[in-house]
């Protein structure tokens, strides 16, 4: 039986044509190679229907960029059906509009497993800051390092997603080092005697090109043309020619900022301190979200989604975690606090409790240390822009699914 299996493997190896035999079997360039090469069994696993997964993820998590949904999914479908060469996308726009988020959603929808560091196995993320410099010695070193990292990624994962962020910081000579991988005329590229296939890979370049034009409100074709002119001016002409699709990102409007703020609130329940307090869900009243957006527009207008994150962290996240951390005490602390309800209530409210207050407080503290799941609802008493305060309500479901409310 062993001899028969060895013979079958030998016949299968002979069936691999010479062009594919020329390259390393790590490339998994055919079904036969995937069967024969042990290394091919452990390359990055691509998700089933990853293009549809990407479309769904963009619909759910990318706000205010409908043109991005259409352009990215159309390009991925085209490349999936006819990948005669790699797909090169250029995400261009201002900071905080969702460019890096889109690339991350593409990677999460495309690949299954993560490595020991928690990075998706098929994703190569490169920061332009690492390749900043225009001195000849620097660009030569940067070009070699860039090609080496891309070859290593493609050797491990032929369908890799390679992202070069902040590409505006990279000298055009360094960017041109990727031209051989992108032009599509040679599906096999070699570097230092290592050969890799490029036709299944996706390259994403992220820049701030066209930020001023997007703010000016140009139509999509005009904005795309302006970004292309900027690319040709800054990059070498050939480097700009290998881009398949330019994907413009526009500044976020009020509705998009509101949706981002709501998404931040929804993710609050995932914070560890809230999970430990058995808080199942966090909801915010429209007043809280409106106050957040107004604060962003007033003081962080050019930061888009990053402005929402900054305001949310300082005016909601830090406050909620501090409140919940103090209130979601363990059983012993809750019992001790209940035994001395007067001092506890005075610390919370700033006034001495009545007898009814003390009884209600003791019951509240006992409720908090129970394992029931809790909902945290945020309300706002915004007096004027930039000075709004966050108030919290805890809603606990008892055994009969009847809600009881405790205002904090």
Protein backbone atom coordinates (compact mmCIF):
# COMPACT_ATOMS: atom_id res chain seq x y z
CA UNK A 1 0.00 0.00 0.00
CA UNK A 2 2.86 2.40 0.80
CA UNK A 3 4.51 1.68 -2.54
CA UNK A 4 1.23 2.27 -4.32
CA UNK A 5 0.75 5.61 -2.57
CA UNK A 6 4.30 6.67 -3.42
CA UNK A 7 3.72 5.72 -7.04
CA UNK A 8 0.52 7.76 -7.17
CA UNK A 9 2.31 10.75 -5.70
CA UNK A 10 5.09 10.42 -8.25
CA UNK A 11 2.60 10.28 -11.12
CA UNK A 12 0.81 13.32 -9.75
CA UNK A 13 4.10 15.20 -9.54
CA UNK A 14 4.81 14.41 -13.18
CA UNK A 15 1.39 15.76 -14.06
CA UNK A 16 2.35 19.27 -12.88
CA UNK A 17 3.26 21.19 -16.03
CA UNK A 18 6.71 22.67 -16.42
CA UNK A 19 5.64 26.30 -15.89
CA UNK A 20 4.21 25.50 -12.49
CA UNK A 21 7.04 23.15 -11.62
CA UNK A 22 9.37 26.07 -12.23
CA UNK A 23 8.03 27.91 -9.19
CA UNK A 24 8.16 26.69 -5.63
CA UNK A 25 5.31 24.42 -4.63
CA UNK A 26 4.58 26.79 -1.74
CA UNK A 27 2.75 28.86 -4.32
CA UNK A 28 -0.08 26.31 -4.44
CA UNK A 29 -0.47 27.21 -8.09
CA UNK A 30 -2.55 24.15 -8.88
CA UNK A 31 -4.75 21.61 -7.17
CA UNK A 32 -1.99 19.04 -7.64
CA UNK A 33 0.53 21.28 -5.91
CA UNK A 34 -1.85 21.82 -3.02
CA UNK A 35 -2.16 18.05 -2.67
CA UNK A 36 1.54 17.30 -2.92
CA UNK A 37 3.11 20.05 -0.89
CA UNK A 38 2.72 19.88 2.84
CA UNK A 39 3.52 23.58 3.07
CA UNK A 40 0.56 24.32 0.84
CA UNK A 41 -1.80 22.74 3.32
CA UNK A 42 -0.92 25.42 5.86
CA UNK A 43 -1.05 28.59 3.76
CA UNK A 44 -3.66 31.21 4.54
CA UNK A 45 -7.19 29.88 4.26
CA UNK A 46 -9.49 32.16 2.29
CA UNK A 47 -13.05 32.45 3.48
CA UNK A 48 -15.88 31.10 1.38
CA UNK A 49 -17.74 33.90 -0.42
CA UNK A 50 -15.33 36.48 0.99
CA UNK A 51 -16.47 39.13 -1.49
CA UNK A 52 -20.04 38.91 -0.19
CA UNK A 53 -18.69 38.97 3.37
CA UNK A 54 -16.77 42.14 2.53
CA UNK A 55 -19.89 43.76 1.09
CA UNK A 56 -21.88 42.90 4.21
CA UNK A 57 -19.13 44.19 6.51
CA UNK A 58 -18.91 47.49 4.63
CA UNK A 59 -22.69 47.90 4.80
CA UNK A 60 -22.65 47.32 8.55
CA UNK A 61 -19.54 49.20 9.65
CA UNK A 62 -18.54 51.82 7.07
CA UNK A 63 -20.71 54.94 7.25
CA UNK A 64 -21.12 57.83 4.87
CA UNK A 65 -19.21 56.28 1.96
CA UNK A 66 -21.72 54.61 -0.41
CA UNK A 67 -19.38 55.03 -3.39
CA UNK A 68 -16.74 52.98 -1.56
CA UNK A 69 -19.14 50.06 -1.09
CA UNK A 70 -19.86 49.98 -4.82
CA UNK A 71 -16.29 50.47 -6.09
CA UNK A 72 -14.61 47.99 -3.72
CA UNK A 73 -17.11 45.15 -4.12
CA UNK A 74 -17.21 45.58 -7.90
CA UNK A 75 -13.40 45.46 -8.12
CA UNK A 76 -13.21 42.37 -5.89
CA UNK A 77 -15.84 40.54 -7.92
CA UNK A 78 -14.04 41.38 -11.15
CA UNK A 79 -10.73 40.14 -9.77
CA UNK A 80 -12.32 36.98 -8.37
CA UNK A 81 -13.87 36.04 -11.70
CA UNK A 82 -10.92 36.96 -13.94
CA UNK A 83 -7.66 37.29 -12.02
CA UNK A 84 -5.20 37.58 -14.91
CA UNK A 85 -3.16 39.88 -12.68
CA UNK A 86 -3.16 41.30 -9.16
CA UNK A 87 -5.75 43.84 -8.08
CA UNK A 88 -4.37 47.26 -7.10
CA UNK A 89 -6.68 49.70 -5.31
CA UNK A 90 -5.92 53.26 -4.24
CA UNK A 91 -7.92 54.50 -1.24
CA UNK A 92 -7.65 58.30 -1.21
CA UNK A 93 -9.16 60.88 1.12
CA UNK A 94 -8.88 62.79 4.37
CA UNK A 95 -8.01 61.35 7.78
CA UNK A 96 -10.68 59.51 9.73
CA UNK A 97 -13.01 58.80 6.80
CA UNK A 98 -12.68 54.99 6.85
CA UNK A 99 -9.79 54.10 4.52
CA UNK A 100 -7.87 51.91 6.96
CA UNK A 101 -11.14 50.53 8.33
CA UNK A 102 -12.13 49.41 4.83
CA UNK A 103 -8.82 47.61 4.35
CA UNK A 104 -9.21 45.89 7.72
CA UNK A 105 -12.76 44.77 6.91
CA UNK A 106 -11.50 43.38 3.59
CA UNK A 107 -8.85 41.36 5.44
CA UNK A 108 -11.22 40.08 8.11
CA UNK A 109 -13.70 39.01 5.44
CA UNK A 110 -11.01 37.40 3.30
CA UNK A 111 -8.96 35.32 5.74
CA UNK A 112 -9.81 32.78 8.43
CA UNK A 113 -6.88 32.32 10.78
CA UNK A 114 -4.61 34.61 12.78
CA UNK A 115 -1.00 34.04 13.76
CA UNK A 116 0.41 33.92 17.29
CA UNK A 117 0.52 37.73 17.40
CA UNK A 118 -3.16 38.00 16.52
CA UNK A 119 -2.53 39.25 12.97
CA UNK A 120 -4.49 37.73 10.10
CA UNK A 121 -2.18 35.34 8.27
CA UNK A 122 -2.92 36.69 4.81
CA UNK A 123 -2.57 40.39 5.69
CA UNK A 124 0.62 42.38 5.22
CA UNK A 125 0.18 45.87 6.66
CA UNK A 126 2.95 48.35 5.88
CA UNK A 127 3.18 51.85 7.36
CA UNK A 128 4.47 54.57 5.09
CA UNK A 129 6.30 56.11 8.04
CA UNK A 130 8.66 53.13 7.96
CA UNK A 131 9.76 54.04 4.41
CA UNK A 132 10.05 57.80 4.79
CA UNK A 133 13.18 59.32 3.25
CA UNK A 134 14.46 60.41 -0.14
CA UNK A 135 18.23 59.98 0.22
CA UNK A 136 19.59 57.50 -2.37
CA UNK A 137 20.95 55.15 0.30
CA UNK A 138 17.61 55.21 2.12
CA UNK A 139 15.50 54.57 -0.96
CA UNK A 140 17.73 51.67 -2.03
CA UNK A 141 17.36 50.08 1.39
CA UNK A 142 13.64 50.78 1.49
CA UNK A 143 13.11 49.27 -1.97
CA UNK A 144 14.91 46.07 -1.00
CA UNK A 145 13.04 45.76 2.29
CA UNK A 146 9.69 46.42 0.64
CA UNK A 147 10.24 43.80 -2.05
CA UNK A 148 11.50 41.30 0.51
CA UNK A 149 8.43 41.68 2.75
CA UNK A 150 6.03 41.47 -0.18
CA UNK A 151 7.75 38.35 -1.57
CA UNK A 152 7.68 36.71 1.86
CA UNK A 153 3.97 37.49 2.20
CA UNK A 154 3.12 36.16 -1.26
CA UNK A 155 5.23 33.04 -0.76
CA UNK A 156 3.29 32.27 2.38
CA UNK A 157 -0.07 33.36 0.97
CA UNK A 158 -0.56 33.80 -2.81
CA UNK A 159 -3.91 35.55 -2.26
CA UNK A 160 -2.43 37.97 0.29
CA UNK A 161 -3.87 41.41 0.99
CA UNK A 162 -0.96 43.86 1.01
CA UNK A 163 -1.73 47.30 2.44
CA UNK A 164 0.66 50.26 2.21
CA UNK A 165 -0.76 52.98 4.45
CA UNK A 166 0.25 56.65 4.43
CA UNK A 167 1.76 56.19 0.99
CA UNK A 168 2.06 59.98 0.64
CA UNK A 169 5.05 59.72 3.02
CA UNK A 170 6.89 57.27 0.74
CA UNK A 171 9.22 58.52 -1.98
CA UNK A 172 8.10 57.70 -5.52
CA UNK A 173 11.29 55.69 -6.14
CA UNK A 174 10.42 53.43 -3.23
CA UNK A 175 6.82 53.00 -4.40
CA UNK A 176 8.10 52.06 -7.86
CA UNK A 177 9.78 48.99 -6.31
CA UNK A 178 6.34 47.32 -6.36
CA UNK A 179 5.79 47.91 -10.06
CA UNK A 180 6.91 44.41 -11.09
CA UNK A 181 4.34 42.91 -8.72
CA UNK A 182 1.53 45.04 -10.10
CA UNK A 183 1.88 45.32 -13.86
CA UNK A 184 0.30 41.89 -14.48
CA UNK A 185 2.47 41.06 -17.49
CA UNK A 186 4.49 38.51 -15.53
CA UNK A 187 2.43 36.40 -13.10
CA UNK A 188 5.65 35.06 -11.54
CA UNK A 189 8.04 37.58 -9.95
CA UNK A 190 11.42 36.69 -8.49
CA UNK A 191 13.49 38.42 -5.84
CA UNK A 192 16.77 37.01 -4.57
CA UNK A 193 16.08 33.68 -6.30
CA UNK A 194 12.65 33.35 -4.68
CA UNK A 195 9.75 33.13 -7.12
CA UNK A 196 6.17 34.07 -6.24
CA UNK A 197 2.89 34.35 -8.08
CA UNK A 198 1.12 37.71 -7.96
CA UNK A 199 -2.11 37.21 -9.91
CA UNK A 200 -4.22 36.27 -6.87
CA UNK A 201 -3.01 39.06 -4.59
CA UNK A 202 -4.75 42.33 -3.73
CA UNK A 203 -2.72 45.50 -3.14
CA UNK A 204 -4.24 48.52 -1.35
CA UNK A 205 -2.50 51.90 -1.31
CA UNK A 206 -3.86 54.41 1.24
CA UNK A 207 -3.15 58.12 0.87
CA UNK A 208 -4.54 61.55 1.65
CA UNK A 209 -4.52 62.54 -2.03
CA UNK A 210 -7.55 64.57 -3.05
CA UNK A 211 -8.50 65.68 0.47
CA UNK A 212 -8.98 69.30 -0.55
CA UNK A 213 -10.87 68.32 -3.70
CA UNK A 214 -13.23 66.08 -1.69
CA UNK A 215 -13.94 68.94 0.70
CA UNK A 216 -14.73 71.16 -2.29
CA UNK A 217 -17.63 68.85 -3.13
CA UNK A 218 -16.53 67.65 -6.57
CA UNK A 219 -18.61 65.01 -8.30
CA UNK A 220 -17.23 61.48 -8.16
CA UNK A 221 -15.74 61.43 -11.72
CA UNK A 222 -14.12 64.82 -11.16
CA UNK A 223 -12.78 63.75 -7.76
CA UNK A 224 -11.36 60.53 -9.22
CA UNK A 225 -9.65 62.48 -12.01
CA UNK A 226 -8.16 64.93 -9.50
CA UNK A 227 -6.75 62.08 -7.39
CA UNK A 228 -5.29 60.46 -10.50
CA UNK A 229 -3.56 63.72 -11.49
CA UNK A 230 -2.10 64.05 -8.01
CA UNK A 231 -0.89 60.44 -8.12
CA UNK A 232 0.85 60.93 -11.44
CA UNK A 233 2.45 64.12 -10.20
CA UNK A 234 3.77 62.65 -6.95
CA UNK A 235 4.51 59.08 -8.05
CA UNK A 236 6.42 58.07 -11.11
CA UNK A 237 4.09 57.77 -14.08
CA UNK A 238 4.52 53.99 -14.40
CA UNK A 239 3.76 53.47 -10.72
CA UNK A 240 0.47 55.37 -11.12
CA UNK A 241 -0.43 53.42 -14.27
CA UNK A 242 -0.61 50.07 -12.46
CA UNK A 243 -3.49 51.18 -10.19
CA UNK A 244 -6.67 49.39 -11.29
CA UNK A 245 -9.23 51.39 -9.32
CA UNK A 246 -9.13 54.71 -7.48
CA UNK A 247 -11.54 54.71 -4.53
CA UNK A 248 -12.27 58.25 -3.29
CA UNK A 249 -13.39 58.78 0.30
CA UNK A 250 -15.43 61.87 1.12
CA UNK A 251 -15.54 63.84 4.40
CA UNK A 252 -18.19 62.50 6.77
CA UNK A 253 -21.48 64.35 7.15
CA UNK A 254 -23.53 64.69 10.32
CA UNK A 255 -25.54 61.51 9.68
CA UNK A 256 -22.34 59.46 9.31
CA UNK A 257 -20.86 60.94 12.49
CA UNK A 258 -24.10 60.10 14.33
CA UNK A 259 -23.92 56.47 13.10
CA UNK A 260 -20.29 56.18 14.19
CA UNK A 261 -21.16 57.53 17.65
CA UNK A 262 -24.00 55.00 17.94
CA UNK A 263 -21.61 52.20 16.92
CA UNK A 264 -19.16 53.24 19.65
CA UNK A 265 -21.97 53.11 22.22
CA UNK A 266 -23.05 49.66 21.01
CA UNK A 267 -19.49 48.36 21.43
CA UNK A 268 -19.29 49.64 25.00
CA UNK A 269 -20.73 46.39 26.34
CA UNK A 270 -17.62 44.64 25.05
CA UNK A 271 -15.37 46.53 27.44
CA UNK A 272 -14.02 44.16 30.05
CA UNK A 273 -15.06 46.21 33.06
CA UNK A 274 -18.64 46.30 31.77
CA UNK A 275 -18.67 42.57 31.03
CA UNK A 276 -17.40 41.85 34.54
CA UNK A 277 -20.32 43.90 35.86
CA UNK A 278 -22.72 41.67 33.88
CA UNK A 279 -23.80 44.57 31.66
CA UNK A 280 -25.39 43.01 28.62
CA UNK A 281 -26.03 46.06 26.47
CA UNK A 282 -25.43 49.80 26.46
CA UNK A 283 -27.93 52.18 24.88
CA UNK A 284 -27.68 55.93 24.49
CA UNK A 285 -30.49 58.42 24.15
CA UNK A 286 -30.55 60.57 20.98
CA UNK A 287 -29.54 63.53 23.15
CA UNK A 288 -26.22 61.86 23.99
CA UNK A 289 -25.45 61.11 20.33
CA UNK A 290 -26.51 64.59 19.20
CA UNK A 291 -24.29 66.15 21.85
CA UNK A 292 -21.35 64.00 20.77
CA UNK A 293 -21.76 64.94 17.10
CA UNK A 294 -22.18 68.63 17.93
CA UNK A 295 -18.98 68.56 19.97
CA UNK A 296 -17.09 66.91 17.09
CA UNK A 297 -18.36 69.41 14.55
CA UNK A 298 -17.53 72.34 16.80
CA UNK A 299 -14.06 71.37 18.01
CA UNK A 300 -12.79 68.53 15.78
CA UNK A 301 -14.39 69.26 12.41
CA UNK A 302 -11.44 68.07 10.33
CA UNK A 303 -10.96 64.76 12.14
CA UNK A 304 -14.11 62.98 10.91
CA UNK A 305 -14.43 59.57 12.57
CA UNK A 306 -11.31 60.11 14.66
CA UNK A 307 -12.96 63.16 16.16
CA UNK A 308 -15.91 61.02 17.23
CA UNK A 309 -13.54 58.54 18.85
CA UNK A 310 -11.69 61.29 20.72
CA UNK A 311 -14.85 62.90 22.10
CA UNK A 312 -16.43 59.54 22.91
CA UNK A 313 -13.39 58.31 24.83
CA UNK A 314 -13.10 61.44 26.93
CA UNK A 315 -16.77 62.25 27.58
CA UNK A 316 -18.42 58.83 27.58
CA UNK A 317 -16.05 55.88 27.78
CA UNK A 318 -13.87 57.13 30.62
CA UNK A 319 -16.90 58.31 32.61
CA UNK A 320 -18.91 55.11 32.14
CA UNK A 321 -15.98 52.86 33.03
CA UNK A 322 -15.27 54.90 36.15
CA UNK A 323 -18.92 54.77 37.27
CA UNK A 324 -19.39 51.07 36.53
CA UNK A 325 -16.04 50.20 38.09
CA UNK A 326 -17.13 51.84 41.34
CA UNK A 327 -20.66 50.46 41.32
CA UNK A 328 -20.07 46.91 40.07
CA UNK A 329 -18.34 45.83 43.26
CA UNK A 330 -17.77 42.21 44.18
CA UNK A 331 -20.03 40.47 46.69
CA UNK A 332 -17.99 41.30 49.77
CA UNK A 333 -17.65 44.98 48.91
CA UNK A 334 -21.35 45.23 48.09
CA UNK A 335 -22.30 43.68 51.42
CA UNK A 336 -19.97 46.00 53.32
CA UNK A 337 -21.34 49.00 51.46
CA UNK A 338 -24.90 47.91 52.16
CA UNK A 339 -24.09 47.70 55.85
CA UNK A 340 -22.97 51.31 55.83
CA UNK A 341 -25.52 52.76 53.40
CA UNK A 342 -25.36 56.27 54.84
CA UNK A 343 -21.75 56.95 53.88
CA UNK A 344 -22.16 55.20 50.52
CA UNK A 345 -25.22 57.26 49.60
CA UNK A 346 -23.54 60.45 50.74
CA UNK A 347 -20.60 59.68 48.45
CA UNK A 348 -22.93 59.10 45.49
CA UNK A 349 -25.44 61.90 45.93
CA UNK A 350 -23.73 64.47 48.11
CA UNK A 351 -26.57 64.47 50.68
CA UNK A 352 -27.62 62.44 53.68
CA UNK A 353 -30.21 59.71 52.89
CA UNK A 354 -33.66 59.31 54.31
CA UNK A 355 -34.80 55.95 55.71
CA UNK A 356 -36.46 55.05 52.40
CA UNK A 357 -33.31 56.06 50.54
CA UNK A 358 -31.21 53.78 52.73
CA UNK A 359 -33.50 50.79 52.12
CA UNK A 360 -33.56 51.39 48.38
CA UNK A 361 -29.79 51.76 48.32
CA UNK A 362 -29.24 48.51 50.16
CA UNK A 363 -31.45 46.70 47.65
CA UNK A 364 -29.60 48.37 44.77
CA UNK A 365 -26.23 47.25 46.06
CA UNK A 366 -27.45 43.71 46.54
CA UNK A 367 -28.78 43.77 42.98
CA UNK A 368 -25.44 44.94 41.63
CA UNK A 369 -23.52 42.05 43.12
CA UNK A 370 -25.96 39.48 41.72
CA UNK A 371 -25.17 37.68 38.46
CA UNK A 372 -28.20 39.10 36.63
CA UNK A 373 -27.49 40.75 33.28
CA UNK A 374 -27.81 44.51 33.27
CA UNK A 375 -28.54 47.14 30.64
CA UNK A 376 -26.81 50.50 30.91
CA UNK A 377 -28.70 53.43 29.39
CA UNK A 378 -27.03 56.77 28.84
CA UNK A 379 -28.90 60.07 28.90
CA UNK A 380 -27.61 63.61 28.58
CA UNK A 381 -28.39 66.91 30.26
CA UNK A 382 -26.62 69.07 27.69
CA UNK A 383 -26.75 72.69 28.79
CA UNK A 384 -24.68 74.04 25.93
CA UNK A 385 -22.21 72.81 23.35
CA UNK A 386 -19.13 71.16 24.81
CA UNK A 387 -20.40 70.97 28.40
CA UNK A 388 -22.85 68.09 28.22
CA UNK A 389 -22.88 65.56 31.05
CA UNK A 390 -23.62 61.86 30.80
CA UNK A 391 -26.11 60.27 33.18
CA UNK A 392 -26.55 56.52 33.48
CA UNK A 393 -29.45 54.21 34.29
CA UNK A 394 -29.04 50.56 35.16
CA UNK A 395 -31.87 48.26 34.05
CA UNK A 396 -31.82 44.75 35.51
CA UNK A 397 -34.02 41.87 34.36
CA UNK A 398 -35.17 39.73 37.25
CA UNK A 399 -36.22 36.09 37.08
CA UNK A 400 -39.63 37.07 35.68
CA UNK A 401 -38.06 39.32 32.99
CA UNK A 402 -39.50 42.37 34.72
CA UNK A 403 -37.28 45.42 34.39
CA UNK A 404 -36.27 47.34 37.48
CA UNK A 405 -34.51 50.67 37.05
CA UNK A 406 -31.85 52.30 39.15
CA UNK A 407 -30.87 55.86 38.28
CA UNK A 408 -27.27 56.85 38.91
